[in-house]
């Protein structure tokens, strides 16, 4: 709230103000300049200052700083360490020294403990691709197909509208042809207290895994998420799979995985988590 809401407020207020001024007799360069400043420059400048205060406040109030940082990156609140965008943060020398003390170490800490909010998890969980993920794209296909057919066959359509309809219909057909088939029958993940198996791997026990991370596929705000398994043996490859269509959202899946990990570390807890 402290970081994102004011930044969005600057964008909205600046856009409304520039649109209002554009309708007046004022020189058109002024509203354009206001729009550019309020849409790009001022929100980023605010983020560059506010995110430093957030880091200090947040990292000072949790035990597992490493995990908080990873989740903040996943929520697209901050950027990964290797991102050039991190260099735009505006820090004083005092803030920089303080953050160096608060930043997580290279070695991940022990896993945090979780409880599943909607009841007990089974002894073994099979995670499939979700049928719900098929509804939205095909709804769009049907909507734009209807629009294109209307443009093509309407009595009031001229040659230009008919051409636009043909282009839209061609794009839809191309998207459907190129769309990859989503496997709804094969589990993408199988998880229990002994370990995890992905669609690409055999079963891997927890003791052989160094870390399991879920993170955005790239720095785009619309990016999907990847699940990465790193092995303790550097010569042994784990896995890296996309989570675009599975039935759990990424942060919920992350908590589920940790629950099964803690079952492995605390057998006496059995399935009461």
Protein backbone atom coordinates (compact mmCIF):
# COMPACT_ATOMS: atom_id res chain seq x y z
CA UNK A 1 0.00 0.00 0.00
CA UNK A 2 2.77 2.43 0.89
CA UNK A 3 4.66 1.78 -2.32
CA UNK A 4 2.08 0.94 -4.97
CA UNK A 5 -1.00 3.01 -4.13
CA UNK A 6 0.65 6.46 -4.28
CA UNK A 7 2.46 5.47 -7.49
CA UNK A 8 -0.83 4.50 -9.13
CA UNK A 9 -2.41 7.67 -7.71
CA UNK A 10 0.22 9.79 -9.47
CA UNK A 11 -0.51 8.01 -12.76
CA UNK A 12 -4.30 8.41 -12.46
CA UNK A 13 -4.24 12.06 -11.36
CA UNK A 14 -1.67 12.98 -14.00
CA UNK A 15 -3.62 11.20 -16.76
CA UNK A 16 -6.89 12.91 -15.81
CA UNK A 17 -5.18 16.31 -15.54
CA UNK A 18 -3.41 15.96 -18.90
CA UNK A 19 -6.63 14.80 -20.59
CA UNK A 20 -8.52 17.78 -19.14
CA UNK A 21 -5.87 20.26 -20.26
CA UNK A 22 -5.77 18.69 -23.72
CA UNK A 23 -9.41 19.73 -24.21
CA UNK A 24 -8.64 23.39 -23.50
CA UNK A 25 -6.90 26.02 -25.60
CA UNK A 26 -3.61 25.54 -23.77
CA UNK A 27 -0.51 24.65 -25.80
CA UNK A 28 -0.75 20.88 -26.54
CA UNK A 29 2.84 20.31 -25.49
CA UNK A 30 1.96 21.04 -21.83
CA UNK A 31 -0.59 18.22 -21.30
CA UNK A 32 1.67 15.84 -23.24
CA UNK A 33 4.58 16.75 -20.96
CA UNK A 34 2.38 16.32 -17.86
CA UNK A 35 1.26 12.90 -19.12
CA UNK A 36 4.84 11.73 -19.73
CA UNK A 37 6.00 12.98 -16.33
CA UNK A 38 3.03 11.51 -14.43
CA UNK A 39 2.97 8.19 -16.29
CA UNK A 40 6.67 7.41 -16.35
CA UNK A 41 8.96 9.77 -14.46
CA UNK A 42 7.17 10.73 -11.21
CA UNK A 43 5.81 7.21 -10.34
CA UNK A 44 9.24 5.68 -10.89
CA UNK A 45 10.89 8.44 -8.87
CA UNK A 46 8.43 7.84 -6.03
CA UNK A 47 9.04 4.07 -6.18
CA UNK A 48 12.81 4.62 -6.12
CA UNK A 49 12.51 6.48 -2.81
CA UNK A 50 9.61 4.62 -1.18
CA UNK A 51 10.92 1.11 -1.86
CA UNK A 52 14.05 1.81 0.18
CA UNK A 53 11.93 2.77 3.20
CA UNK A 54 9.83 -0.37 2.63
CA UNK A 55 12.92 -2.59 2.52
CA UNK A 56 14.20 -1.21 5.82
CA UNK A 57 10.81 -1.48 7.52
CA UNK A 58 9.98 -4.97 6.16
CA UNK A 59 13.40 -6.56 6.61
CA UNK A 60 13.60 -5.20 10.16
CA UNK A 61 10.35 -6.89 11.18
CA UNK A 62 10.75 -10.49 9.98
CA UNK A 63 13.01 -13.35 10.93
CA UNK A 64 13.21 -14.97 7.51
CA UNK A 65 14.49 -12.05 5.44
CA UNK A 66 15.62 -14.38 2.65
CA UNK A 67 12.10 -15.69 2.09
CA UNK A 68 10.50 -12.25 2.37
CA UNK A 69 12.80 -10.92 -0.32
CA UNK A 70 12.03 -13.86 -2.60
CA UNK A 71 8.29 -13.34 -2.15
CA UNK A 72 8.59 -9.59 -2.73
CA UNK A 73 10.29 -10.35 -6.05
CA UNK A 74 7.53 -12.82 -6.88
CA UNK A 75 4.91 -10.16 -6.12
CA UNK A 76 6.81 -7.74 -8.41
CA UNK A 77 7.28 -5.27 -5.59
CA UNK A 78 11.08 -5.33 -5.97
CA UNK A 79 13.36 -6.56 -8.74
CA UNK A 80 15.77 -9.53 -8.68
CA UNK A 81 19.31 -8.76 -7.55
CA UNK A 82 20.73 -9.05 -11.06
CA UNK A 83 18.19 -6.60 -12.54
CA UNK A 84 19.48 -3.22 -13.69
CA UNK A 85 16.31 -1.61 -12.31
CA UNK A 86 17.67 -2.05 -8.78
CA UNK A 87 20.25 0.61 -9.60
CA UNK A 88 17.47 3.21 -9.81
CA UNK A 89 16.71 2.93 -6.07
CA UNK A 90 17.63 6.18 -4.33
CA UNK A 91 19.44 5.39 -1.07
CA UNK A 92 21.34 7.54 1.37
CA UNK A 93 24.68 6.26 2.69
CA UNK A 94 23.00 5.51 6.04
CA UNK A 95 20.17 3.55 4.37
CA UNK A 96 22.63 1.60 2.25
CA UNK A 97 24.70 0.57 5.29
CA UNK A 98 21.58 -0.44 7.17
CA UNK A 99 20.29 -2.53 4.28
CA UNK A 100 23.60 -4.34 3.92
CA UNK A 101 23.16 -5.54 7.50
CA UNK A 102 19.54 -6.55 6.92
CA UNK A 103 19.94 -8.24 3.53
CA UNK A 104 19.67 -12.05 3.61
CA UNK A 105 22.79 -14.18 3.51
CA UNK A 106 23.62 -16.39 0.56
CA UNK A 107 22.66 -19.61 2.33
CA UNK A 108 18.88 -19.99 2.66
CA UNK A 109 17.58 -20.33 6.23
CA UNK A 110 15.51 -23.21 7.50
CA UNK A 111 12.06 -23.46 5.95
CA UNK A 112 9.25 -21.50 7.54
CA UNK A 113 6.24 -23.37 8.86
CA UNK A 114 2.85 -23.08 7.22
CA UNK A 115 -0.69 -24.27 7.72
CA UNK A 116 -3.03 -24.81 4.81
CA UNK A 117 -5.96 -22.38 5.14
CA UNK A 118 -8.73 -24.50 3.64
CA UNK A 119 -8.29 -27.73 5.50
CA UNK A 120 -5.93 -30.70 5.62
CA UNK A 121 -3.80 -31.70 2.69
CA UNK A 122 -3.83 -35.36 1.61
CA UNK A 123 -0.95 -37.76 2.24
CA UNK A 124 -0.01 -37.30 -1.42
CA UNK A 125 -1.10 -34.41 -3.62
CA UNK A 126 -1.30 -34.61 -7.41
CA UNK A 127 -1.32 -31.19 -9.10
CA UNK A 128 -2.98 -31.03 -12.53
CA UNK A 129 -3.47 -28.33 -15.12
CA UNK A 130 -6.75 -26.52 -14.54
CA UNK A 131 -9.70 -26.62 -16.92
CA UNK A 132 -10.55 -23.10 -15.79
CA UNK A 133 -7.52 -21.81 -17.66
CA UNK A 134 -9.11 -22.93 -20.93
CA UNK A 135 -12.28 -20.88 -20.45
CA UNK A 136 -10.93 -17.35 -20.77
CA UNK A 137 -8.91 -17.70 -24.02
CA UNK A 138 -11.74 -19.54 -25.77
CA UNK A 139 -14.20 -16.92 -24.53
CA UNK A 140 -11.99 -14.31 -26.23
CA UNK A 141 -11.81 -16.44 -29.37
CA UNK A 142 -15.62 -16.67 -29.55
CA UNK A 143 -16.09 -12.96 -28.83
CA UNK A 144 -13.66 -11.79 -31.51
CA UNK A 145 -14.92 -14.42 -33.96
CA UNK A 146 -18.43 -12.99 -33.55
CA UNK A 147 -17.08 -9.47 -34.05
CA UNK A 148 -15.16 -10.43 -37.18
CA UNK A 149 -18.15 -12.25 -38.70
CA UNK A 150 -20.33 -9.22 -38.00
CA UNK A 151 -17.83 -6.94 -39.76
CA UNK A 152 -17.59 -9.30 -42.73
CA UNK A 153 -21.28 -10.06 -43.32
CA UNK A 154 -23.06 -6.95 -42.03
CA UNK A 155 -25.01 -5.09 -44.69
CA UNK A 156 -23.58 -1.77 -43.45
CA UNK A 157 -19.95 -2.91 -43.67
CA UNK A 158 -17.76 -1.32 -46.28
CA UNK A 159 -14.64 -2.88 -47.80
CA UNK A 160 -12.42 -1.52 -45.02
CA UNK A 161 -14.57 -3.06 -42.24
CA UNK A 162 -14.76 -6.36 -44.10
CA UNK A 163 -10.96 -6.30 -44.43
CA UNK A 164 -10.57 -5.69 -40.69
CA UNK A 165 -12.95 -8.61 -40.03
CA UNK A 166 -10.90 -10.91 -42.26
CA UNK A 167 -7.68 -9.86 -40.49
CA UNK A 168 -9.20 -10.50 -37.03
CA UNK A 169 -10.53 -13.88 -38.13
CA UNK A 170 -7.14 -14.82 -39.58
CA UNK A 171 -5.39 -13.84 -36.33
CA UNK A 172 -7.82 -15.96 -34.30
CA UNK A 173 -7.31 -18.96 -36.58
CA UNK A 174 -3.54 -18.54 -36.35
CA UNK A 175 -3.70 -18.31 -32.52
CA UNK A 176 -5.80 -21.48 -32.29
CA UNK A 177 -3.48 -23.40 -34.62
CA UNK A 178 -0.36 -22.27 -32.74
CA UNK A 179 -1.89 -22.78 -29.28
CA UNK A 180 -0.25 -25.65 -27.46
CA UNK A 181 -2.47 -28.45 -26.25
CA UNK A 182 -2.82 -28.38 -22.47
CA UNK A 183 -2.53 -31.80 -20.85
CA UNK A 184 -5.36 -32.11 -18.31
CA UNK A 185 -4.91 -35.81 -17.51
CA UNK A 186 -1.25 -36.07 -16.43
CA UNK A 187 -0.16 -34.67 -13.04
CA UNK A 188 2.30 -31.83 -13.44
CA UNK A 189 3.51 -32.35 -9.87
CA UNK A 190 3.22 -35.13 -7.30
CA UNK A 191 4.10 -34.08 -3.75
CA UNK A 192 4.21 -35.96 -0.47
CA UNK A 193 6.20 -35.87 2.76
CA UNK A 194 9.04 -37.87 1.17
CA UNK A 195 9.66 -35.68 -1.85
CA UNK A 196 8.40 -34.29 -5.15
CA UNK A 197 8.04 -35.43 -8.74
CA UNK A 198 7.47 -33.20 -11.78
CA UNK A 199 6.16 -34.12 -15.19
CA UNK A 200 9.79 -34.15 -16.38
CA UNK A 201 11.46 -36.06 -13.54
CA UNK A 202 11.36 -39.19 -11.49
CA UNK A 203 10.58 -38.88 -7.79
CA UNK A 204 13.14 -36.74 -5.91
CA UNK A 205 13.44 -37.04 -2.13
CA UNK A 206 13.64 -33.84 -0.08
CA UNK A 207 17.07 -34.73 1.30
CA UNK A 208 18.58 -34.48 -2.20
CA UNK A 209 17.07 -31.06 -2.91
CA UNK A 210 18.95 -27.88 -2.07
CA UNK A 211 16.07 -25.49 -2.76
CA UNK A 212 12.75 -25.12 -4.56
CA UNK A 213 11.97 -21.64 -5.84
CA UNK A 214 8.98 -20.14 -7.63
CA UNK A 215 9.71 -16.90 -9.47
CA UNK A 216 8.49 -14.79 -12.42
CA UNK A 217 9.56 -15.98 -15.85
CA UNK A 218 10.92 -12.53 -16.72
CA UNK A 219 10.69 -8.92 -15.58
CA UNK A 220 7.42 -8.18 -17.40
CA UNK A 221 4.50 -7.46 -15.10
CA UNK A 222 2.34 -9.93 -17.04
CA UNK A 223 4.91 -12.74 -16.85
CA UNK A 224 4.01 -16.24 -15.72
CA UNK A 225 5.91 -18.15 -13.05
CA UNK A 226 8.49 -20.93 -13.11
CA UNK A 227 9.21 -23.64 -10.54
CA UNK A 228 12.91 -24.43 -10.17
CA UNK A 229 14.33 -27.42 -8.32
CA UNK A 230 18.03 -27.17 -7.45
CA UNK A 231 19.86 -30.30 -6.33
CA UNK A 232 22.50 -30.51 -3.59
CA UNK A 233 24.73 -32.35 -6.05
CA UNK A 234 25.74 -29.64 -8.52
CA UNK A 235 26.34 -32.27 -11.18
CA UNK A 236 22.73 -33.43 -10.98
CA UNK A 237 20.01 -31.42 -12.75
CA UNK A 238 16.72 -30.81 -10.95
CA UNK A 239 13.99 -29.26 -13.08
CA UNK A 240 12.52 -26.00 -14.35
CA UNK A 241 8.86 -26.01 -15.36
CA UNK A 242 6.22 -23.42 -16.20
CA UNK A 243 3.26 -22.96 -13.87
CA UNK A 244 1.01 -21.15 -16.36
CA UNK A 245 -1.96 -23.53 -16.25
CA UNK A 246 -1.87 -25.42 -12.95
CA UNK A 247 -4.83 -25.42 -10.58
CA UNK A 248 -3.05 -23.48 -7.79
CA UNK A 249 -1.81 -19.91 -7.91
CA UNK A 250 1.94 -19.68 -7.50
CA UNK A 251 2.15 -18.48 -3.89
CA UNK A 252 -0.39 -21.09 -2.76
CA UNK A 253 1.64 -23.84 -4.43
CA UNK A 254 4.76 -22.52 -2.70
CA UNK A 255 3.11 -22.85 0.71
CA UNK A 256 1.82 -26.34 -0.12
CA UNK A 257 5.33 -27.50 -1.02
CA UNK A 258 6.68 -26.15 2.26
CA UNK A 259 3.97 -27.95 4.21
CA UNK A 260 5.08 -31.29 2.76
CA UNK A 261 8.70 -30.37 3.48
CA UNK A 262 7.89 -29.68 7.11
CA UNK A 263 6.03 -32.99 7.32
CA UNK A 264 9.29 -34.62 6.29
CA UNK A 265 11.25 -32.75 8.95
CA UNK A 266 8.66 -33.21 11.68
CA UNK A 267 7.17 -36.71 11.30
CA UNK A 268 5.48 -36.48 14.67
CA UNK A 269 3.18 -33.78 13.28
CA UNK A 270 1.87 -36.33 10.78
CA UNK A 271 -0.99 -34.77 8.80
CA UNK A 272 -2.30 -32.21 11.27
CA UNK A 273 -0.96 -29.35 9.11
